[in-house]
Protein backbone atom coordinates (compact mmCIF):
# COMPACT_ATOMS: atom_id res chain seq x y z
CA MET A 1 70.56 102.75 92.77
CA LYS A 2 70.01 101.89 96.41
CA LEU A 3 66.48 102.57 97.64
CA PRO A 4 65.85 104.99 100.52
CA PRO A 5 66.08 105.47 103.40
CA TYR A 6 69.63 106.71 103.15
CA THR A 7 72.19 107.97 105.60
CA TYR A 8 72.89 111.68 105.09
CA THR A 9 76.09 110.84 103.19
CA GLU A 10 74.29 108.41 100.88
CA ALA A 11 71.49 110.93 100.26
CA LYS A 12 74.01 113.67 99.46
CA VAL A 13 75.77 111.41 96.93
CA ALA A 14 72.46 110.45 95.26
CA CYS A 15 71.44 114.11 95.23
CA ASP A 16 74.73 115.19 93.65
CA GLN A 17 74.47 112.43 91.03
CA HIS A 18 71.05 113.69 89.89
CA GLN A 19 71.65 117.44 89.61
CA HIS A 20 71.55 116.97 85.82
CA LEU A 21 67.76 116.64 86.12
CA ILE A 22 67.37 120.35 86.91
CA GLY A 23 65.60 122.06 84.01
CA LYS A 24 64.05 118.85 82.69
CA ALA A 25 60.28 118.29 82.62
CA TYR A 26 58.85 117.46 86.05
CA ASP A 27 55.50 116.38 84.62
CA SER A 28 53.41 116.39 81.46
CA ALA A 29 51.84 119.75 82.43
CA GLY A 30 55.03 121.58 81.47
CA ASN A 31 56.44 122.12 84.97
CA ARG A 32 60.21 121.92 85.20
CA ILE A 33 62.49 120.48 87.87
CA ASP A 34 63.94 123.39 89.82
CA SER A 35 66.00 121.44 92.34
CA VAL A 36 67.06 118.02 93.55
CA ILE A 37 67.50 118.06 97.32
CA VAL A 38 68.14 115.95 100.42
CA VAL A 39 64.96 115.60 102.52
CA PRO A 40 63.80 113.76 105.65
CA PHE A 41 62.63 110.22 104.86
CA GLU A 42 59.48 109.97 107.00
CA PRO A 43 56.35 111.54 105.42
CA SER A 44 55.43 113.64 108.48
CA ASP A 45 58.96 115.03 108.75
CA ARG A 46 59.05 115.60 105.01
CA SER A 47 55.81 117.61 105.05
CA ARG A 48 57.11 119.87 107.80
CA PHE A 49 60.44 120.21 106.00
CA PHE A 50 58.78 121.33 102.75
CA MET A 51 56.77 124.04 104.48
CA LEU A 52 59.97 125.37 106.04
CA TYR A 53 61.86 125.01 102.76
CA LEU A 54 59.16 126.96 100.96
CA MET A 55 59.49 129.80 103.48
CA LEU A 56 63.30 129.84 103.66
CA GLU A 57 64.10 128.90 100.04
CA ASP A 58 67.13 127.03 101.39
CA ALA A 59 66.94 123.24 101.64
CA ARG A 60 70.08 122.86 103.72
CA GLN A 61 68.94 125.47 106.23
CA ALA A 62 65.45 123.95 106.45
CA LEU A 63 66.96 120.52 107.06
CA THR A 64 69.41 121.79 109.68
CA LEU A 65 66.84 123.85 111.59
CA ASP A 66 64.06 121.32 111.80
CA TYR A 67 65.24 117.74 111.37
CA SER A 68 67.21 115.70 113.89
CA GLY A 69 66.56 112.24 112.43
CA THR A 70 69.01 109.91 110.74
CA ARG A 71 66.96 108.66 107.77
CA TYR A 72 66.99 110.68 104.56
CA GLY A 73 65.61 110.66 101.06
CA VAL A 74 66.14 112.69 97.91
CA ALA A 75 63.38 114.66 96.20
CA VAL A 76 62.88 116.38 92.88
CA VAL A 77 61.17 119.75 93.27
CA SER A 78 59.23 121.95 90.87
CA GLY A 79 58.30 125.48 91.90
CA SER A 80 59.26 127.86 94.70
CA VAL A 81 57.97 130.70 96.84
CA HIS A 82 58.12 132.83 93.66
CA THR A 83 55.52 130.60 92.02
CA TYR A 84 53.45 130.50 95.24
CA GLY A 85 53.90 126.79 95.70
CA MET A 86 55.83 123.72 94.79
CA GLN A 87 55.42 120.11 93.83
CA HIS A 88 57.83 117.49 95.05
CA CYS A 89 58.38 113.79 94.70
CA ASP A 90 60.78 111.15 95.96
CA LEU A 91 63.59 110.82 93.41
CA HIS A 92 63.20 107.05 93.05
CA GLU A 93 59.41 107.34 92.55
CA TRP A 94 59.86 110.13 90.02
CA LEU A 95 62.48 108.19 88.06
CA SER A 96 60.27 105.07 88.12
CA SER A 97 57.28 106.96 86.73
CA GLU A 98 59.28 109.00 84.21
CA GLY A 99 57.40 112.12 85.30
CA ASN A 100 53.90 110.66 84.74
CA THR A 101 52.06 112.72 87.38
CA SER A 102 48.89 110.63 87.51
CA GLN A 103 50.95 107.46 87.99
CA LEU A 104 53.02 109.20 90.68
CA MET A 105 49.99 110.32 92.66
CA HIS A 106 48.37 106.90 92.36
CA ASN A 107 51.45 104.83 93.21
CA ALA A 108 53.24 107.08 95.66
CA ALA A 109 50.80 109.40 97.39
CA ASP A 110 52.92 109.43 100.56
CA LYS A 111 56.13 110.20 98.63
CA CYS A 112 54.86 113.00 96.40
CA GLY A 113 53.04 116.16 97.32
CA SER A 114 52.82 119.90 97.21
CA ALA A 115 53.25 122.92 99.45
CA THR A 116 51.80 126.38 98.99
CA VAL A 117 52.41 129.81 100.46
């Protein structure tokens, strides 16, 4: 798998190829993957995107409304506005760690995070 950043088309393909992860364990705490989505690549853009995504509950709309860049990534997401927050991580980082949250946070602090209402 090519590493990010991706073009939008590449990110969409990677996203589509990993939809099978939905419902699988996100971490060892029992959280599940609720979505696999295209996100902005840069950490500052990604943080802003996730706040908007949490409010809108629509990744495509959040991306369209707020991001005008050309570099994208793919993220796995656990949680939603209904759970009052979410956790998210870069797809490649999540796959590399096999869902080991402590390893994720240690190795990829800028590519994993959370957002709350």
